[in-house]
Structure formats: C-alpha cells, structure tokens
Amino acid sequence: MTCQRRHAVVLGSGLLDDVPLDDLARLLDQVGLVNAIHPSLARIVTRRDLNFALMIAETGAGVAKPSGGPARAPT
C-alpha cells in the first residue's frame, strides 16, 4: 500500500474471505483486486464501492519452490 497515492493491490484476492473490504474502501482511493477468476459474490460485493477494480491475472504461475529455487515441472 502506498500512503501518498492511497492505492493498494491485493494479489490472489480469491473469495475475499480474508480481505478487509470495508476498511480498504474507507481508507483508500483505489483498490485493485487481482485473481485468476472472480466469483460472482466478489463481483457483487465490490460493485457497491466505485474505488474497487477487479483485475484478472494468474498469480500462481512461476511460483518458486520453498527452497528458493525456481519451480520446475516434474520429469
């Protein structure tokens, strides 16, 4: 979150179960919610506030293994 620009982006917003929507809407001018898909409930809930933007992106692609090495497909 950047305080001066009052903008935040939530990567992997999912079902919004653990995203404090009311607080974000009150504190920030613009909130971007990024997920591979946005369930209908998420679209309905965020429609009430104009400062939410739903963006579609695959946030899990290319995630590193816990050891810190690059993720590789099994051979």
N, C-alpha and C. Protein backbone atom coordinates (compact mmCIF):
# COMPACT_ATOMS: atom_id res chain seq x y z
N MET A 1 0.84 -1.18 0.00
CA MET A 1 0.00 0.00 0.00
C MET A 1 0.88 1.24 0.00
N THR A 2 0.53 2.18 -0.80
CA THR A 2 1.26 3.44 -0.82
C THR A 2 0.39 4.50 -0.18
N CYS A 3 0.87 5.08 0.89
CA CYS A 3 0.07 6.06 1.66
C CYS A 3 -0.14 7.35 0.89
N GLN A 4 0.85 7.80 0.15
CA GLN A 4 0.72 9.07 -0.55
C GLN A 4 -0.28 8.99 -1.69
N ARG A 5 -0.30 7.88 -2.37
CA ARG A 5 -1.21 7.74 -3.51
C ARG A 5 -2.53 7.11 -3.11
N ARG A 6 -2.60 6.56 -1.92
CA ARG A 6 -3.81 5.95 -1.38
C ARG A 6 -4.37 4.88 -2.31
N HIS A 7 -3.47 3.98 -2.74
CA HIS A 7 -3.82 2.91 -3.66
C HIS A 7 -3.21 1.61 -3.15
N ALA A 8 -3.96 0.51 -3.28
CA ALA A 8 -3.44 -0.80 -2.88
C ALA A 8 -3.88 -1.83 -3.91
N VAL A 9 -3.08 -2.89 -4.03
CA VAL A 9 -3.40 -4.00 -4.90
C VAL A 9 -3.32 -5.27 -4.06
N VAL A 10 -4.38 -6.07 -4.11
CA VAL A 10 -4.43 -7.34 -3.37
C VAL A 10 -4.27 -8.46 -4.39
N LEU A 11 -3.13 -9.14 -4.35
CA LEU A 11 -2.88 -10.24 -5.27
C LEU A 11 -3.47 -11.52 -4.71
N GLY A 12 -4.18 -12.27 -5.54
CA GLY A 12 -4.80 -13.51 -5.08
C GLY A 12 -5.95 -13.24 -4.13
N SER A 13 -6.83 -12.33 -4.50
CA SER A 13 -7.92 -11.92 -3.60
C SER A 13 -8.93 -13.03 -3.34
N GLY A 14 -9.05 -13.98 -4.25
CA GLY A 14 -9.89 -15.16 -4.03
C GLY A 14 -11.33 -14.85 -3.71
N LEU A 15 -11.86 -15.50 -2.67
CA LEU A 15 -13.25 -15.34 -2.26
C LEU A 15 -13.48 -14.11 -1.38
N LEU A 16 -12.42 -13.36 -1.12
CA LEU A 16 -12.46 -12.14 -0.30
C LEU A 16 -12.75 -12.43 1.17
N ASP A 17 -12.60 -13.68 1.60
CA ASP A 17 -12.85 -14.04 3.00
C ASP A 17 -11.92 -13.33 3.96
N ASP A 18 -10.67 -13.13 3.56
CA ASP A 18 -9.69 -12.53 4.46
C ASP A 18 -9.24 -11.14 3.99
N VAL A 19 -10.05 -10.51 3.15
CA VAL A 19 -9.74 -9.16 2.67
C VAL A 19 -10.68 -8.18 3.37
N PRO A 20 -10.14 -7.22 4.12
CA PRO A 20 -10.99 -6.26 4.86
C PRO A 20 -11.56 -5.19 3.93
N LEU A 21 -12.57 -5.55 3.16
CA LEU A 21 -13.11 -4.65 2.14
C LEU A 21 -13.59 -3.32 2.69
N ASP A 22 -14.32 -3.36 3.79
CA ASP A 22 -14.85 -2.11 4.35
C ASP A 22 -13.73 -1.16 4.76
N ASP A 23 -12.69 -1.68 5.39
CA ASP A 23 -11.56 -0.85 5.80
C ASP A 23 -10.82 -0.29 4.60
N LEU A 24 -10.58 -1.14 3.60
CA LEU A 24 -9.88 -0.68 2.41
C LEU A 24 -10.68 0.40 1.68
N ALA A 25 -11.98 0.21 1.57
CA ALA A 25 -12.83 1.19 0.89
C ALA A 25 -12.83 2.53 1.63
N ARG A 26 -12.78 2.47 2.94
CA ARG A 26 -12.81 3.69 3.75
C ARG A 26 -11.48 4.43 3.71
N LEU A 27 -10.36 3.69 3.69
CA LEU A 27 -9.04 4.29 3.83
C LEU A 27 -8.38 4.68 2.50
N LEU A 28 -8.77 4.03 1.41
CA LEU A 28 -8.04 4.21 0.16
C LEU A 28 -8.92 4.76 -0.95
N ASP A 29 -8.28 5.43 -1.91
CA ASP A 29 -8.99 5.96 -3.07
C ASP A 29 -9.25 4.87 -4.11
N GLN A 30 -8.31 3.93 -4.26
CA GLN A 30 -8.43 2.89 -5.27
C GLN A 30 -7.86 1.59 -4.73
N VAL A 31 -8.60 0.49 -4.93
CA VAL A 31 -8.16 -0.83 -4.50
C VAL A 31 -8.30 -1.78 -5.69
N GLY A 32 -7.19 -2.39 -6.09
CA GLY A 32 -7.21 -3.37 -7.16
C GLY A 32 -7.22 -4.77 -6.57
N LEU A 33 -8.16 -5.59 -6.99
CA LEU A 33 -8.25 -6.97 -6.55
C LEU A 33 -7.88 -7.86 -7.73
N VAL A 34 -6.80 -8.63 -7.59
CA VAL A 34 -6.28 -9.43 -8.68
C VAL A 34 -6.45 -10.90 -8.34
N ASN A 35 -7.05 -11.65 -9.27
CA ASN A 35 -7.26 -13.08 -9.08
C ASN A 35 -7.43 -13.72 -10.46
N ALA A 36 -7.27 -15.04 -10.53
CA ALA A 36 -7.45 -15.75 -11.80
C ALA A 36 -8.91 -15.68 -12.24
N ILE A 37 -9.82 -15.82 -11.30
CA ILE A 37 -11.25 -15.64 -11.55
C ILE A 37 -11.85 -14.91 -10.36
N HIS A 38 -12.91 -14.19 -10.59
CA HIS A 38 -13.61 -13.51 -9.51
C HIS A 38 -14.98 -14.15 -9.38
N PRO A 39 -15.22 -14.86 -8.28
CA PRO A 39 -16.54 -15.47 -8.07
C PRO A 39 -17.63 -14.40 -8.10
N SER A 40 -18.85 -14.82 -8.42
CA SER A 40 -19.95 -13.86 -8.54
C SER A 40 -20.16 -13.07 -7.26
N LEU A 41 -19.98 -13.69 -6.11
CA LEU A 41 -20.14 -12.97 -4.84
C LEU A 41 -19.14 -11.82 -4.74
N ALA A 42 -17.90 -12.05 -5.17
CA ALA A 42 -16.89 -10.99 -5.13
C ALA A 42 -17.28 -9.84 -6.05
N ARG A 43 -17.83 -10.15 -7.22
CA ARG A 43 -18.25 -9.09 -8.14
C ARG A 43 -19.41 -8.29 -7.56
N ILE A 44 -20.33 -8.97 -6.90
CA ILE A 44 -21.49 -8.29 -6.30
C ILE A 44 -21.06 -7.40 -5.14
N VAL A 45 -20.21 -7.93 -4.27
CA VAL A 45 -19.79 -7.19 -3.07
C VAL A 45 -19.00 -5.95 -3.44
N THR A 46 -18.12 -6.05 -4.42
CA THR A 46 -17.28 -4.91 -4.77
C THR A 46 -17.99 -3.91 -5.66
N ARG A 47 -19.12 -4.25 -6.22
CA ARG A 47 -19.87 -3.34 -7.09
C ARG A 47 -20.41 -2.13 -6.32
N ARG A 48 -20.60 -2.29 -5.01
CA ARG A 48 -21.18 -1.19 -4.23
C ARG A 48 -20.24 -0.02 -4.04
N ASP A 49 -18.93 -0.26 -4.16
CA ASP A 49 -17.93 0.81 -3.99
C ASP A 49 -17.21 1.04 -5.31
N LEU A 50 -17.18 2.27 -5.75
CA LEU A 50 -16.56 2.59 -7.03
C LEU A 50 -15.04 2.55 -6.99
N ASN A 51 -14.45 2.48 -5.79
CA ASN A 51 -13.00 2.50 -5.72
C ASN A 51 -12.38 1.10 -5.82
N PHE A 52 -13.16 0.07 -6.12
CA PHE A 52 -12.63 -1.27 -6.33
C PHE A 52 -12.52 -1.55 -7.82
N ALA A 53 -11.41 -2.16 -8.22
CA ALA A 53 -11.22 -2.58 -9.60
C ALA A 53 -10.85 -4.06 -9.60
N LEU A 54 -11.63 -4.86 -10.29
CA LEU A 54 -11.35 -6.29 -10.40
C LEU A 54 -10.47 -6.52 -11.61
N MET A 55 -9.33 -7.19 -11.40
CA MET A 55 -8.40 -7.49 -12.48
C MET A 55 -8.16 -8.99 -12.52
N ILE A 56 -8.06 -9.52 -13.72
CA ILE A 56 -7.85 -10.96 -13.88
C ILE A 56 -6.39 -11.21 -14.25
N ALA A 57 -5.73 -12.07 -13.47
CA ALA A 57 -4.35 -12.47 -13.74
C ALA A 57 -4.08 -13.76 -12.99
N GLU A 58 -3.26 -14.61 -13.56
CA GLU A 58 -2.86 -15.84 -12.89
C GLU A 58 -1.72 -15.50 -11.95
N THR A 59 -1.99 -15.48 -10.66
CA THR A 59 -0.98 -15.07 -9.68
C THR A 59 -0.11 -16.22 -9.20
N GLY A 60 -0.44 -17.46 -9.55
CA GLY A 60 0.34 -18.60 -9.06
C GLY A 60 1.36 -19.12 -10.04
N ALA A 61 1.40 -18.61 -11.24
CA ALA A 61 2.33 -19.11 -12.25
C ALA A 61 3.76 -18.70 -11.93
N GLY A 62 4.66 -19.64 -12.01
CA GLY A 62 6.07 -19.35 -11.80
C GLY A 62 6.45 -19.14 -10.35
N VAL A 63 5.68 -19.67 -9.44
CA VAL A 63 5.99 -19.51 -8.02
C VAL A 63 7.22 -20.35 -7.68
N ALA A 64 8.12 -19.79 -6.92
CA ALA A 64 9.34 -20.50 -6.53
C ALA A 64 9.04 -21.59 -5.51
N LYS A 65 9.86 -22.64 -5.54
CA LYS A 65 9.74 -23.70 -4.54
C LYS A 65 10.14 -23.13 -3.19
N PRO A 66 9.69 -23.76 -2.07
CA PRO A 66 10.06 -23.26 -0.74
C PRO A 66 11.55 -23.12 -0.52
N SER A 67 12.36 -23.92 -1.22
CA SER A 67 13.82 -23.84 -1.04
C SER A 67 14.39 -22.57 -1.68
N GLY A 68 13.58 -21.86 -2.44
CA GLY A 68 14.04 -20.64 -3.07
C GLY A 68 14.44 -20.85 -4.52
N GLY A 69 14.55 -22.09 -4.96
CA GLY A 69 14.91 -22.38 -6.35
C GLY A 69 13.72 -22.19 -7.25
N PRO A 70 13.96 -22.16 -8.55
CA PRO A 70 12.84 -21.97 -9.48
C PRO A 70 11.95 -23.21 -9.52
N ALA A 71 10.68 -22.99 -9.74
CA ALA A 71 9.73 -24.09 -9.85
C ALA A 71 9.98 -24.80 -11.17
N ARG A 72 9.97 -26.12 -11.15
CA ARG A 72 10.18 -26.90 -12.37
C ARG A 72 9.12 -27.96 -12.48
N ALA A 73 8.79 -28.27 -13.72
CA ALA A 73 7.82 -29.35 -13.97
C ALA A 73 8.50 -30.69 -13.68
N PRO A 74 7.73 -31.66 -13.13
CA PRO A 74 8.32 -32.98 -12.89
C PRO A 74 8.78 -33.62 -14.19
N THR A 75 9.88 -34.35 -14.12
CA THR A 75 10.40 -35.03 -15.32
C THR A 75 10.18 -36.51 -15.27
